[in-house]
Protein backbone atom coordinates (compact mmCIF):
# COMPACT_ATOMS: atom_id res chain seq x y z
CA MET A 1 -35.03 -82.49 54.26
CA LEU A 2 -35.83 -85.15 51.64
CA TYR A 3 -38.79 -85.25 49.30
CA PHE A 4 -39.07 -88.87 48.24
CA ALA A 5 -42.85 -88.84 48.64
CA GLU A 6 -43.20 -86.04 46.12
CA ARG A 7 -40.70 -86.92 43.45
CA TYR A 8 -43.10 -88.88 41.24
CA TYR A 9 -45.83 -86.24 41.01
CA CYS A 10 -46.54 -84.83 37.58
CA PHE A 11 -49.50 -82.50 37.19
CA THR A 12 -50.64 -79.13 35.91
CA ILE A 13 -51.62 -76.34 38.31
CA PRO A 14 -54.01 -73.62 37.13
CA PRO A 15 -51.98 -70.41 36.75
CA SER A 16 -54.59 -68.32 38.54
CA THR A 17 -53.90 -70.12 41.83
CA MET A 18 -50.15 -69.70 41.99
CA ALA A 19 -47.15 -67.47 41.55
CA ARG A 20 -45.26 -68.15 38.35
CA LEU A 21 -41.96 -70.04 38.31
CA SER A 22 -39.19 -68.68 36.11
CA VAL A 23 -36.19 -71.00 35.96
CA ASN A 24 -32.81 -69.28 35.93
CA ILE A 25 -30.59 -71.37 33.64
CA ASN A 26 -27.30 -69.63 34.44
CA LYS A 27 -25.96 -72.64 36.34
CA ILE A 28 -26.58 -74.86 33.33
CA ALA A 29 -24.55 -72.40 31.25
CA LEU A 30 -21.81 -72.44 33.89
CA ILE A 31 -21.46 -76.22 33.55
CA ARG A 32 -21.37 -75.90 29.75
CA ASN A 33 -18.69 -73.24 29.92
CA SER A 34 -16.43 -75.41 32.08
CA ARG A 35 -15.58 -77.45 28.97
CA LYS A 36 -15.34 -76.67 25.29
CA GLY A 37 -18.39 -77.66 23.31
CA ASN A 38 -22.11 -77.47 24.01
CA LEU A 39 -22.77 -79.94 26.80
CA PRO A 40 -25.21 -79.44 28.38
CA ASP A 41 -27.11 -77.77 25.57
CA LEU A 42 -28.41 -74.52 27.07
CA LEU A 43 -31.13 -74.02 24.46
CA GLN A 44 -32.45 -77.55 24.88
CA ALA A 45 -32.40 -77.11 28.65
CA ALA A 46 -34.56 -73.99 28.34
CA LEU A 47 -37.04 -75.80 26.09
CA ASP A 48 -37.14 -78.76 28.48
CA CYS A 49 -37.80 -76.50 31.48
CA GLU A 50 -40.78 -75.07 29.60
CA ALA A 51 -42.01 -78.52 28.64
CA PHE A 52 -41.73 -79.63 32.27
CA GLY A 53 -43.97 -76.78 33.43
CA ALA A 54 -41.80 -73.70 34.00
CA GLN A 55 -43.71 -70.53 33.14
CA GLY A 56 -40.61 -68.50 32.36
CA ILE A 57 -36.90 -68.63 31.61
CA THR A 58 -34.46 -66.24 33.29
CA VAL A 59 -30.89 -65.47 32.27
CA HIS A 60 -28.31 -63.11 33.74
CA PRO A 61 -25.56 -62.38 31.21
CA ARG A 62 -22.62 -60.84 33.06
CA PRO A 63 -19.83 -58.86 31.36
CA ASP A 64 -17.32 -61.70 31.85
CA GLU A 65 -19.83 -64.20 30.34
CA ARG A 66 -18.99 -66.82 32.95
CA HIS A 67 -22.61 -68.02 32.81
CA VAL A 68 -24.95 -67.16 29.96
CA ARG A 69 -23.15 -65.54 27.04
CA TYR A 70 -24.37 -62.58 25.06
CA SER A 71 -24.40 -64.84 22.01
CA ASP A 72 -26.95 -67.11 23.73
CA ILE A 73 -29.57 -64.37 23.89
CA PRO A 74 -30.74 -64.30 20.25
CA LEU A 75 -31.12 -68.10 20.23
CA LEU A 76 -33.09 -68.09 23.47
CA LYS A 77 -35.24 -65.18 22.38
CA LYS A 78 -36.24 -67.08 19.24
CA ALA A 79 -36.94 -70.35 21.02
CA VAL A 80 -38.50 -69.46 24.38
CA THR A 81 -42.30 -69.45 24.23
CA THR A 82 -43.00 -68.64 27.88
CA GLU A 83 -41.90 -65.39 29.56
CA PHE A 84 -38.30 -64.52 28.81
CA ASN A 85 -36.61 -62.52 31.56
CA ILE A 86 -33.16 -60.99 31.12
CA GLU A 87 -31.63 -59.62 34.30
CA GLY A 88 -28.47 -57.66 34.90
CA ASN A 89 -26.76 -54.36 35.56
CA PRO A 90 -27.99 -51.88 32.93
CA VAL A 91 -24.61 -50.78 31.62
CA GLU A 92 -24.73 -49.70 28.00
CA GLN A 93 -23.62 -53.05 26.56
CA PHE A 94 -26.39 -54.79 28.51
CA MET A 95 -28.96 -52.21 27.48
CA GLU A 96 -28.10 -52.56 23.80
CA LEU A 97 -28.56 -56.32 24.08
CA VAL A 98 -31.91 -56.08 25.86
CA LEU A 99 -33.29 -53.39 23.58
CA GLN A 100 -32.30 -55.39 20.50
CA TYR A 101 -33.92 -58.66 21.59
CA ALA A 102 -36.81 -57.25 23.68
CA PRO A 103 -37.59 -59.94 26.29
CA THR A 104 -40.90 -60.05 28.10
CA GLN A 105 -39.25 -58.63 31.19
CA CYS A 106 -35.97 -56.98 32.10
CA THR A 107 -34.91 -57.15 35.74
CA LEU A 108 -32.46 -54.43 36.72
CA VAL A 109 -29.83 -55.67 39.17
CA PRO A 110 -27.01 -53.50 40.62
CA ASP A 111 -24.22 -56.05 40.25
CA ALA A 112 -20.74 -54.64 40.69
CA PRO A 113 -18.13 -55.94 38.19
CA GLY A 114 -16.77 -59.29 39.28
CA VAL A 115 -19.36 -59.90 42.00
CA LEU A 116 -19.91 -63.60 42.65
CA THR A 117 -23.70 -63.35 42.80
CA SER A 118 -26.37 -60.70 43.24
CA ASP A 119 -26.33 -59.77 46.93
CA GLN A 120 -28.26 -56.52 47.32
CA GLY A 121 -30.95 -54.41 45.75
CA TRP A 122 -30.92 -50.92 44.27
CA ASP A 123 -30.89 -47.76 46.31
CA THR A 124 -33.78 -46.46 44.27
CA LEU A 125 -33.55 -43.00 45.82
CA LYS A 126 -29.85 -42.48 45.21
CA HIS A 127 -30.09 -43.79 41.64
CA ARG A 128 -33.50 -42.33 40.83
CA THR A 129 -32.42 -40.28 37.79
CA PHE A 130 -30.42 -43.12 36.28
CA LEU A 131 -33.15 -45.72 36.82
CA THR A 132 -35.85 -43.41 35.48
CA ASP A 133 -33.94 -43.07 32.22
CA VAL A 134 -33.28 -46.82 31.96
CA VAL A 135 -36.91 -47.72 32.64
CA ALA A 136 -38.12 -45.23 30.04
CA ARG A 137 -35.80 -46.69 27.38
CA LEU A 138 -37.06 -50.21 28.09
CA HIS A 139 -40.69 -49.13 28.05
CA GLU A 140 -40.17 -47.71 24.57
CA LYS A 141 -39.69 -51.33 23.46
CA ASP A 142 -42.72 -52.53 25.47
CA ILE A 143 -40.47 -54.43 27.89
CA ARG A 144 -41.86 -54.94 31.38
CA VAL A 145 -39.36 -53.64 33.94
CA SER A 146 -38.65 -55.10 37.35
CA VAL A 147 -36.22 -53.46 39.78
CA PHE A 148 -34.26 -55.62 42.22
CA VAL A 149 -34.70 -54.18 45.74
CA ASP A 150 -34.17 -55.02 49.37
CA ALA A 151 -37.33 -55.32 51.45
CA GLU A 152 -37.41 -51.68 52.59
CA GLU A 153 -40.38 -49.40 52.09
CA ARG A 154 -38.34 -46.47 50.76
CA HIS A 155 -36.90 -48.60 47.98
CA VAL A 156 -40.32 -49.96 47.05
CA GLU A 157 -41.63 -46.40 46.83
CA GLY A 158 -38.52 -45.43 44.89
CA ALA A 159 -39.15 -48.18 42.35
CA LYS A 160 -42.64 -46.83 41.81
CA ALA A 161 -41.22 -43.32 41.37
CA VAL A 162 -38.83 -44.39 38.59
CA GLY A 163 -41.69 -46.02 36.67
CA ALA A 164 -40.96 -49.69 37.30
CA ASP A 165 -43.77 -52.14 36.64
CA ARG A 166 -42.56 -54.54 39.29
CA ILE A 167 -40.04 -55.01 42.04
CA GLU A 168 -38.07 -58.17 42.68
CA PHE A 169 -37.37 -58.66 46.36
CA TYR A 170 -33.83 -59.82 47.14
CA THR A 171 -34.55 -62.86 49.31
CA GLY A 172 -31.01 -63.80 50.34
CA ASN A 173 -31.46 -62.35 53.83
CA TYR A 174 -34.82 -64.10 54.16
CA ALA A 175 -33.26 -67.44 53.26
CA ALA A 176 -30.41 -66.94 55.74
CA LEU A 177 -32.74 -66.16 58.65
CA PHE A 178 -35.48 -68.65 57.74
CA PRO A 179 -34.11 -71.78 59.51
CA ASP A 180 -33.98 -70.03 62.90
CA ASN A 181 -36.96 -67.68 62.75
CA PRO A 182 -39.22 -67.87 59.69
CA ALA A 183 -41.65 -65.22 60.94
CA GLN A 184 -38.90 -62.70 61.57
CA ALA A 185 -37.26 -63.52 58.25
CA VAL A 186 -40.36 -62.87 56.18
CA GLU A 187 -41.82 -59.91 58.11
CA PRO A 188 -40.14 -57.10 56.11
CA HIS A 189 -41.11 -58.79 52.85
CA ALA A 190 -44.74 -59.17 53.92
CA ARG A 191 -44.83 -55.57 55.09
CA CYS A 192 -43.27 -54.21 51.90
CA ALA A 193 -45.54 -56.41 49.80
CA ARG A 194 -48.57 -54.73 51.33
CA LEU A 195 -47.12 -51.36 50.38
CA ALA A 196 -46.34 -52.53 46.83
CA ASN A 197 -49.89 -53.79 46.41
CA ASN A 198 -51.29 -50.49 47.68
CA ILE A 199 -49.25 -48.35 45.27
CA GLY A 200 -49.69 -50.60 42.24
CA VAL A 201 -46.29 -52.24 41.86
CA GLY A 202 -46.13 -55.94 40.97
CA ILE A 203 -44.08 -58.30 43.14
CA ASN A 204 -41.41 -60.77 42.07
CA ALA A 205 -38.83 -62.43 44.32
CA GLY A 206 -35.57 -64.28 43.96
CA HIS A 207 -32.27 -65.42 45.47
CA ASP A 208 -31.73 -68.52 47.61
CA LEU A 209 -35.38 -69.57 47.52
CA ASN A 210 -35.58 -73.35 47.75
CA LEU A 211 -37.78 -76.33 48.55
CA ASP A 212 -37.59 -75.63 52.28
CA ASN A 213 -38.43 -71.92 52.38
CA LEU A 214 -40.48 -71.24 49.24
CA ARG A 215 -43.96 -72.25 50.38
CA PHE A 216 -43.80 -70.17 53.56
CA TYR A 217 -42.63 -67.16 51.57
CA LYS A 218 -45.46 -67.56 49.07
CA GLU A 219 -48.02 -67.87 51.87
CA GLN A 220 -46.81 -64.74 53.69
CA VAL A 221 -46.07 -62.37 50.80
CA GLU A 222 -49.41 -61.20 49.48
CA GLY A 223 -49.65 -60.68 45.74
CA LEU A 224 -46.47 -62.55 44.81
CA LEU A 225 -46.53 -62.85 41.02
CA GLU A 226 -43.29 -64.59 40.11
CA VAL A 227 -40.19 -66.20 41.56
CA SER A 228 -36.92 -66.66 39.75
CA ILE A 229 -34.99 -69.71 40.96
CA GLY A 230 -31.81 -71.14 39.57
CA HIS A 231 -29.07 -72.33 41.93
CA ALA A 232 -31.24 -74.35 44.31
CA LEU A 233 -33.45 -75.76 41.55
CA ILE A 234 -30.54 -76.97 39.43
CA SER A 235 -28.87 -78.40 42.54
CA ASP A 236 -32.05 -80.28 43.45
CA ALA A 237 -32.26 -81.60 39.90
CA LEU A 238 -29.03 -83.53 40.49
CA TYR A 239 -30.99 -85.72 42.92
CA PHE A 240 -34.57 -85.60 41.68
CA GLY A 241 -34.19 -84.95 37.96
CA LEU A 242 -35.11 -81.72 36.22
CA GLN A 243 -38.72 -82.58 35.39
CA ASN A 244 -39.56 -83.82 38.88
CA THR A 245 -37.79 -80.87 40.50
CA ILE A 246 -39.73 -78.28 38.48
CA GLN A 247 -42.98 -80.01 39.44
CA MET A 248 -41.96 -79.95 43.11
CA TYR A 249 -41.36 -76.20 42.98
CA LEU A 250 -44.63 -75.62 41.13
CA ARG A 251 -46.49 -77.54 43.82
CA LEU A 252 -45.11 -75.20 46.50
CA LEU A 253 -46.33 -72.19 44.52
CA ARG A 254 -49.97 -73.26 44.37
C-alpha cells in the first residue's frame, strides 16, 4: 500500500485526542554501527524525531551493543526533551544503567541473550518475585515502569500484581494475523485492554506496528496510551523521509 496522498501533510495533533508515538531509534544506531564513525548521528536523529512531532524516544541497549550502545544513554538522557524510554532485559548491568540515568519510563523485556528481536512477553506469574523487586527499585528513582506482555489476561493481572504502572502489549502476533483477519488478530488485545483499564494499568503497545495495521489497532484497543515503533517507521522513512513518515504515523494515532 502506498501513501502518496499523505506524504506532504505537516500538522500538529492535540495530544488529548491520540495515543503518543515513541520512535525507537535502534535501527538508526544499527546503520551507524555498520561503519566506523558517527553516520548517521544518533543524537541528532533523536532530536530531529522530536522536532518532527514524536512525543517520545525509545532505545533498547542490548548486551552486545549491536544497536544502541550503553555509552549513548547519557548523551540521549541529556538531550531528549520528550519522554525517554529505555527498554531491555533487567539484568544487573542494564539496571545500573537505567537507575543512573533515570529515564521517564523503563520497559522490561524478557530478551534472551543473542535474540534477534523481542518476540514474547513476560510470564508475570512465573517471574513475579523477580519483577516485583525490579519494579520497586525503579520506582525508588521515580521511573515509570512498563512490563512487556503477551495479550493474555493472567499476564495483565500479573503485571498489576508486581506493581507495574503500565503494560506494553507484544503486537507481533497481531501484525502477523492482521492481513488475513484483522478482527481475530486484535480480539485478545481489545479484551485484555478492557481488563487493564478496569484494574488501573496503563496500556502501551509495540512490535511490527506499521502504516497498514496501526489505525485499526488504535481504534480497537481502548485506552491505548503509547506505541513504540522503530523498524517499520525507519523503513518507511527511506521512501517518505523521516519528517513526513512521523507525521503519517501521528495521523493514524489521532
